[in-house]
Amino acid sequence: MKPPAGRSLLEGKIVVVTAAAGAGIGAAVVARCLEEGARVVLSDSHERRLSTAFCSLEQTYGDSVLSVPCDVTSEADVQELLTVTTGHFGRIDVLVNNAGLGGNRPVTAMTDDEWARVLDVTLTGTFRCTRAALRRMTEQGSGGAIVNNASVLGWRAQAGQAHYAAAKAGVMAFTRCAALEAAASGVRINAVAPSLAAHPYLDRVMDAGELARLAGREAFGRAAEPWEVATVVAFLASDYASYLTGEVISVSSQHP
């Protein structure tokens, strides 16, 4: 399957995507937003990977792309990301909080540092970026959209994923509460909750047998392609979702 052609859903919008380098959902979101007519700031904590991604995109999209390194666990980095974005493009219309950290560790073997690291990147990082973007969107007075990347593990149990699942459940709750606060400013905050999305690094945190088992539970018998998640993100970021806020959209074909 190939991604559908763009339909100008995000024409003229300024979009910031965290954890956007590499070959996962973040990179697919960047590609989808560019295809839909947006100007995009891609950000990542891996500067070499970010530079490679930016150079590749710049060849096709020219000055519609900008890259800014950012570690979402650093408030200074988050502020710099938003300052550079608004300084270069004049405003921010959409933030996609894609940064997250997983792992596979039973509770009895998990250290405090492992627990804290996953929550700091996945949940608190989403909070930091949302807070910074929401302040600027409110100051702009022109509304905006924030889309958070959650996970079906925020609803479903999976052994070895207690820290990640707790963080993603927190993202869901944070999305709903922040959406109520942001509504008065015309800013919509929603989330996607993918089940299993295929990317080259997935086998680093999960063995092949477990991946095959999870894929077999999907109605289509396969994992989602990252672009299939990205199309839902683009919809939530667009004006087609003008009446949606505080929602968590499951991007999944998994059956009980």
Protein backbone atom coordinates (compact mmCIF):
# COMPACT_ATOMS: atom_id res chain seq x y z
CA MET A 1 0.00 0.00 0.00
CA LYS A 2 1.06 3.55 -0.71
CA PRO A 3 0.04 6.75 1.08
CA PRO A 4 -2.82 8.63 -0.59
CA ALA A 5 -1.99 11.81 -2.48
CA GLY A 6 -2.15 15.08 -0.56
CA ARG A 7 -5.33 17.15 -0.61
CA SER A 8 -4.01 20.45 0.83
CA LEU A 9 -5.47 19.69 4.27
CA LEU A 10 -2.76 21.76 5.96
CA GLU A 11 -2.15 24.37 3.28
CA GLY A 12 -0.20 27.31 4.72
CA LYS A 13 0.00 25.98 8.26
CA ILE A 14 3.17 25.95 10.35
CA VAL A 15 3.65 22.53 11.95
CA VAL A 16 6.21 21.44 14.56
CA VAL A 17 6.88 17.70 14.98
CA THR A 18 9.01 16.29 17.80
CA ALA A 19 11.05 13.06 17.42
CA ALA A 20 10.74 13.58 13.68
CA ALA A 21 13.96 12.03 12.36
CA GLY A 22 14.46 8.40 11.42
CA ALA A 23 11.86 6.07 9.92
CA GLY A 24 9.03 5.94 12.45
CA ILE A 25 5.74 7.74 12.98
CA GLY A 26 7.39 11.15 13.46
CA ALA A 27 9.11 11.04 10.07
CA ALA A 28 5.88 9.86 8.46
CA VAL A 29 3.99 12.76 10.05
CA VAL A 30 6.53 15.23 8.64
CA ALA A 31 6.16 13.73 5.16
CA ARG A 32 2.35 13.74 5.38
CA CYS A 33 2.20 17.36 6.57
CA LEU A 34 4.49 18.51 3.78
CA GLU A 35 2.38 16.58 1.28
CA GLU A 36 -0.68 18.37 2.67
CA GLY A 37 0.85 21.81 2.04
CA ALA A 38 2.27 22.69 5.46
CA ARG A 39 5.61 24.24 6.30
CA VAL A 40 7.22 21.94 8.83
CA VAL A 41 9.76 22.22 11.62
CA LEU A 42 11.22 18.80 12.31
CA SER A 43 12.89 18.31 15.66
CA ASP A 44 14.77 15.47 17.31
CA SER A 45 17.30 14.89 20.08
CA HIS A 46 19.52 12.89 17.68
CA GLU A 47 21.26 15.70 15.83
CA ARG A 48 23.06 13.59 13.23
CA ARG A 49 19.89 11.73 12.31
CA LEU A 50 18.00 15.04 12.28
CA SER A 51 20.54 16.60 9.92
CA THR A 52 20.29 13.64 7.53
CA ALA A 53 16.49 13.83 7.50
CA PHE A 54 16.48 17.58 6.98
CA CYS A 55 18.96 17.49 4.08
CA SER A 56 16.89 14.84 2.32
CA LEU A 57 13.63 16.79 2.74
CA GLU A 58 15.20 20.12 1.81
CA GLN A 59 16.06 18.80 -1.64
CA THR A 60 12.36 18.34 -2.37
CA TYR A 61 10.63 20.94 -0.22
CA GLY A 62 13.21 23.73 0.00
CA ASP A 63 12.40 26.45 2.51
CA SER A 64 9.19 24.71 3.57
CA VAL A 65 11.27 22.69 6.03
CA LEU A 66 13.35 23.74 9.01
CA SER A 67 15.17 21.57 11.55
CA VAL A 68 15.77 22.39 15.22
CA PRO A 69 17.44 19.98 17.65
CA CYS A 70 15.41 19.47 20.81
CA ASP A 71 15.50 17.13 23.78
CA VAL A 72 11.98 17.27 25.21
CA THR A 73 13.31 16.56 28.72
CA SER A 74 15.01 19.98 28.63
CA GLU A 75 12.83 23.04 29.20
CA ALA A 76 15.53 25.21 27.61
CA ASP A 77 15.49 23.08 24.45
CA VAL A 78 11.70 23.21 24.26
CA GLN A 79 11.68 26.98 24.59
CA GLU A 80 14.39 27.28 21.92
CA LEU A 81 12.36 25.07 19.55
CA LEU A 82 9.35 27.35 19.80
CA THR A 83 11.43 30.55 19.68
CA VAL A 84 13.24 29.48 16.51
CA THR A 85 9.96 28.35 14.92
CA THR A 86 8.13 31.60 15.54
CA GLY A 87 11.20 33.65 14.67
CA HIS A 88 11.59 31.89 11.31
CA PHE A 89 7.97 31.31 10.26
CA GLY A 90 6.24 34.01 12.33
CA ARG A 91 3.88 31.69 14.24
CA ILE A 92 3.01 28.11 15.12
CA ASP A 93 -0.29 26.58 14.06
CA VAL A 94 0.18 22.90 14.89
CA LEU A 95 2.29 20.94 17.36
CA VAL A 96 2.64 17.17 17.06
CA ASN A 97 4.02 15.64 20.26
CA ASN A 98 5.56 12.46 18.93
CA ALA A 99 8.52 12.05 21.31
CA GLY A 100 8.31 8.92 23.41
CA LEU A 101 10.52 6.28 24.96
CA GLY A 102 9.68 2.62 25.46
CA GLY A 103 11.41 -0.54 26.55
CA ASN A 104 10.62 -4.03 27.76
CA ARG A 105 11.17 -4.62 31.46
CA PRO A 106 9.17 -6.47 34.12
CA VAL A 107 8.17 -4.41 37.14
CA THR A 108 10.31 -6.47 39.52
CA ALA A 109 13.44 -5.76 37.46
CA MET A 110 12.68 -2.12 36.64
CA THR A 111 14.84 0.54 38.27
CA ASP A 112 13.66 3.95 39.43
CA ASP A 113 15.81 5.53 36.72
CA GLU A 114 14.25 3.39 33.97
CA TRP A 115 10.75 4.27 35.17
CA ALA A 116 11.55 7.98 35.50
CA ARG A 117 13.27 8.22 32.11
CA VAL A 118 10.31 6.76 30.21
CA LEU A 119 7.86 9.07 31.99
CA ASP A 120 10.08 12.12 31.56
CA VAL A 121 10.34 11.71 27.78
CA THR A 122 6.90 10.34 27.03
CA LEU A 123 4.58 12.11 29.47
CA THR A 124 6.42 15.09 30.93
CA GLY A 125 7.96 15.88 27.53
CA THR A 126 4.46 16.05 26.07
CA PHE A 127 3.47 18.37 28.91
CA ARG A 128 6.50 20.66 28.42
CA CYS A 129 5.97 21.03 24.68
CA THR A 130 2.21 21.50 25.00
CA ARG A 131 2.63 24.16 27.68
CA ALA A 132 5.12 26.11 25.56
CA ALA A 133 3.08 25.85 22.35
CA LEU A 134 -0.23 26.63 24.04
CA ARG A 135 1.17 29.81 25.56
CA ARG A 136 2.32 31.00 22.15
CA MET A 137 -0.88 29.96 20.37
CA THR A 138 -2.89 31.84 22.98
CA GLU A 139 -0.74 34.94 22.49
CA GLN A 140 -1.20 34.70 18.71
CA GLY A 141 -4.97 34.69 19.15
CA SER A 142 -5.57 32.64 16.01
CA GLY A 143 -6.23 29.22 17.53
CA GLY A 144 -4.28 26.11 16.65
CA ALA A 145 -4.10 22.37 17.08
CA ILE A 146 -1.99 20.04 19.18
CA VAL A 147 -1.87 16.31 18.45
CA ASN A 148 -0.30 13.93 20.98
CA ASN A 149 0.97 10.45 20.21
CA ALA A 150 -0.47 8.06 22.81
CA SER A 151 -0.84 4.28 22.46
CA VAL A 152 -3.47 1.59 22.83
CA LEU A 153 -1.34 0.44 25.77
CA GLY A 154 -2.88 3.36 27.62
CA TRP A 155 -6.00 1.16 27.61
CA ARG A 156 -4.66 -2.38 27.24
CA ALA A 157 -2.29 -4.42 29.37
CA GLN A 158 0.95 -5.89 28.09
CA ALA A 159 3.63 -7.54 30.19
CA GLY A 160 6.92 -5.68 30.38
CA GLN A 161 5.35 -2.37 29.42
CA ALA A 162 4.23 -0.94 32.78
CA HIS A 163 6.31 2.24 32.51
CA TYR A 164 5.40 2.90 28.87
CA ALA A 165 1.71 2.08 29.38
CA ALA A 166 1.52 4.32 32.45
CA ALA A 167 3.11 7.17 30.50
CA LYS A 168 0.76 6.75 27.53
CA ALA A 169 -2.30 6.55 29.79
CA GLY A 170 -1.04 9.79 31.30
CA VAL A 171 -0.81 11.33 27.83
CA MET A 172 -4.45 10.42 27.24
CA ALA A 173 -5.60 11.97 30.53
CA PHE A 174 -3.42 15.03 29.96
CA THR A 175 -4.89 15.46 26.47
CA ARG A 176 -8.45 15.49 27.79
CA CYS A 177 -7.76 17.93 30.63
CA ALA A 178 -5.58 20.31 28.59
CA ALA A 179 -8.20 20.36 25.82
CA LEU A 180 -10.79 21.80 28.20
CA GLU A 181 -8.42 24.56 29.23
CA ALA A 182 -7.35 25.35 25.66
CA ALA A 183 -10.84 25.53 24.16
CA ALA A 184 -11.39 29.16 25.17
CA SER A 185 -8.34 30.11 23.10
CA GLY A 186 -9.59 28.21 20.06
CA VAL A 187 -6.85 25.58 20.39
CA ARG A 188 -7.82 21.95 19.91
CA ILE A 189 -5.88 19.16 21.64
CA ASN A 190 -6.38 15.56 20.58
CA ALA A 191 -4.37 12.33 20.53
CA VAL A 192 -3.86 9.26 18.40
CA ALA A 193 -3.45 5.84 20.00
CA PRO A 194 -1.71 3.46 17.58
CA SER A 195 -1.58 -0.24 18.33
CA LEU A 196 1.37 -1.71 16.42
CA ALA A 197 3.16 0.47 13.86
CA ALA A 198 6.02 -1.07 11.90
CA HIS A 199 9.40 0.65 11.81
CA PRO A 200 13.03 -0.52 11.56
CA TYR A 201 13.81 0.02 15.25
CA LEU A 202 10.89 -1.91 16.72
CA ASP A 203 12.85 -5.14 16.97
CA ARG A 204 15.32 -3.44 19.29
CA VAL A 205 12.74 -3.31 22.08
CA MET A 206 10.67 -6.40 21.27
CA ASP A 207 11.63 -9.87 20.07
CA ALA A 208 10.47 -11.17 16.69
CA GLY A 209 8.14 -13.75 18.17
CA GLU A 210 6.26 -11.19 20.24
CA LEU A 211 5.99 -8.84 17.27
CA ALA A 212 4.54 -11.64 15.15
CA ARG A 213 2.06 -12.50 17.90
CA LEU A 214 0.89 -8.90 18.20
CA ALA A 215 0.59 -8.53 14.42
CA GLY A 216 -1.49 -11.69 14.34
CA ARG A 217 -4.00 -10.11 16.72
CA GLU A 218 -4.69 -7.32 14.26
CA ALA A 219 -7.74 -7.78 12.04
CA PHE A 220 -5.59 -7.16 8.96
CA GLY A 221 -2.94 -9.60 10.17
CA ARG A 222 -0.20 -6.99 10.04
CA ALA A 223 1.16 -3.94 11.79
CA ALA A 224 0.15 -0.48 10.62
CA GLU A 225 2.53 1.39 8.35
CA PRO A 226 3.73 4.66 9.96
CA TRP A 227 2.02 6.67 7.19
CA GLU A 228 -1.32 5.13 8.17
CA VAL A 229 -0.95 6.70 11.61
CA ALA A 230 0.32 9.95 10.09
CA THR A 231 -2.82 10.39 7.98
CA VAL A 232 -4.93 10.40 11.14
CA VAL A 233 -2.56 12.90 12.76
CA ALA A 234 -2.89 15.16 9.70
CA PHE A 235 -6.69 14.95 9.89
CA LEU A 236 -6.69 15.95 13.58
CA ALA A 237 -4.33 18.83 12.81
CA SER A 238 -6.53 20.07 9.98
CA ASP A 239 -9.66 22.20 9.90
CA TYR A 240 -11.62 19.07 8.98
CA ALA A 241 -11.43 18.20 12.69
CA SER A 242 -12.67 21.62 13.83
CA TYR A 243 -15.16 20.22 16.35
CA LEU A 244 -12.89 17.56 17.85
CA THR A 245 -11.02 18.26 21.05
CA GLY A 246 -10.06 16.13 24.02
CA GLU A 247 -10.46 13.00 21.90
CA VAL A 248 -8.16 9.98 21.71
CA ILE A 249 -8.49 8.28 18.32
CA SER A 250 -7.47 4.63 18.22
CA VAL A 251 -5.45 3.80 15.10
CA SER A 252 -5.83 0.07 15.41
CA SER A 253 -7.43 -3.01 13.89
CA GLN A 254 -6.76 -5.13 16.96
CA HIS A 255 -9.60 -7.32 18.19
CA PRO A 256 -10.01 -8.52 21.80
